[in-house]
Amino acid sequence: MDDRFMNDEIVKYSVSIAGHRTSISLEKAFWTLFQDIALKQGKSLNALITEIDERRNGNLSSAVRLFVLQAVLDGTLPLPSTTDNPPS
C-alpha cells in the first residue's frame, strides 16, 4: 500500500459554505483526494463542499470522506498506484 495514504493525522481545513466560514477535520489523504475531485470536476473546493453540505445527513467531515470514498469506488477517481511516486 502507498505510504502517502497511511498517515492518520487529522488536520483542520477552513472552508466556506454559501459564504459562511467553517472548518472540517480530515486526514490529509482524504483532503488531497477531495482536491483532486474538485479539480477534475472543474469546481472550487468551496463549491463542492457546499454541494456535499446540501445533501448530507450527518457530520460534514464524514460526508466528505464518504464522498471521496464513493468517487474511488465508482472509479471516477482512481487511487494513485504505488509506481506513480516510488519511494526514495
Protein backbone atom coordinates (compact mmCIF):
# COMPACT_ATOMS: atom_id res chain seq x y z
CA MET A 1 0.00 0.00 0.00
CA ASP A 2 1.12 3.53 -0.74
CA ASP A 3 2.56 5.09 2.45
CA ARG A 4 1.22 8.52 1.45
CA PHE A 5 -2.21 7.26 2.46
CA MET A 6 -1.18 5.74 5.77
CA ASN A 7 -0.86 8.98 7.78
CA ASP A 8 -3.92 9.20 10.01
CA GLU A 9 -3.18 12.69 11.37
CA ILE A 10 -6.34 14.81 11.39
CA VAL A 11 -5.93 18.35 10.02
CA LYS A 12 -8.44 21.22 10.21
CA TYR A 13 -9.22 22.92 6.89
CA SER A 14 -11.05 26.23 6.59
CA VAL A 15 -13.88 26.22 4.07
CA SER A 16 -16.81 28.40 3.12
CA ILE A 17 -20.35 27.09 2.73
CA ALA A 18 -22.64 29.57 1.00
CA GLY A 19 -20.49 32.41 2.34
CA HIS A 20 -20.36 31.04 5.88
CA ARG A 21 -16.82 30.24 7.13
CA THR A 22 -16.39 26.97 8.93
CA SER A 23 -13.83 24.19 9.19
CA ILE A 24 -13.70 20.48 8.60
CA SER A 25 -11.30 17.96 10.08
CA LEU A 26 -9.91 15.36 7.69
CA GLU A 27 -6.94 13.11 7.24
CA LYS A 28 -4.54 14.62 4.72
CA ALA A 29 -5.14 11.75 2.28
CA PHE A 30 -8.87 12.48 2.14
CA TRP A 31 -8.21 16.20 1.69
CA THR A 32 -5.75 15.54 -1.15
CA LEU A 33 -8.21 13.25 -2.93
CA PHE A 34 -11.02 15.76 -2.35
CA GLN A 35 -8.89 18.44 -4.02
CA ASP A 36 -8.29 16.07 -6.95
CA ILE A 37 -12.04 15.54 -7.36
CA ALA A 38 -12.74 19.29 -7.32
CA LEU A 39 -10.04 19.87 -9.92
CA LYS A 40 -11.31 17.05 -12.12
CA GLN A 41 -14.86 18.41 -11.91
CA GLY A 42 -13.70 21.99 -12.57
CA LYS A 43 -15.20 23.21 -9.28
CA SER A 44 -13.79 25.20 -6.42
CA LEU A 45 -13.34 23.39 -3.11
CA ASN A 46 -15.97 25.62 -1.53
CA ALA A 47 -18.50 24.92 -4.31
CA LEU A 48 -18.01 21.18 -3.89
CA ILE A 49 -18.22 21.45 -0.08
CA THR A 50 -21.48 23.39 -0.48
CA GLU A 51 -22.92 20.65 -2.71
CA ILE A 52 -21.97 17.98 -0.18
CA ASP A 53 -23.37 20.07 2.68
CA GLU A 54 -26.73 20.39 0.91
CA ARG A 55 -27.05 16.59 0.59
CA ARG A 56 -25.57 15.37 3.86
CA ASN A 57 -27.45 13.84 6.76
CA GLY A 58 -24.70 13.84 9.37
CA ASN A 59 -21.32 15.32 10.12
CA LEU A 60 -19.74 17.34 7.28
CA SER A 61 -16.28 15.80 7.68
CA SER A 62 -17.79 12.32 7.48
CA ALA A 63 -19.83 13.34 4.45
CA VAL A 64 -16.67 14.49 2.66
CA ARG A 65 -14.93 11.20 3.48
CA LEU A 66 -17.89 9.25 2.12
CA PHE A 67 -17.97 11.45 -1.00
CA VAL A 68 -14.29 10.70 -1.66
CA LEU A 69 -14.78 7.00 -0.97
CA GLN A 70 -17.70 6.89 -3.41
CA ALA A 71 -15.61 8.57 -6.11
CA VAL A 72 -12.88 5.96 -5.63
CA LEU A 73 -15.35 3.06 -5.61
CA ASP A 74 -17.13 4.41 -8.72
CA GLY A 75 -13.79 4.64 -10.50
CA THR A 76 -14.24 8.37 -11.15
CA LEU A 77 -11.15 8.99 -9.06
CA PRO A 78 -8.63 6.18 -9.30
CA LEU A 79 -6.16 5.95 -6.45
CA PRO A 80 -2.58 6.66 -7.47
CA SER A 81 -0.66 3.47 -8.00
CA THR A 82 2.38 2.77 -5.90
CA THR A 83 4.52 3.16 -9.02
CA ASP A 84 3.38 6.77 -9.57
CA ASN A 85 5.75 8.04 -6.89
CA PRO A 86 8.18 5.30 -5.95
CA PRO A 87 9.80 5.60 -2.52
CA SER A 88 13.09 7.46 -2.40
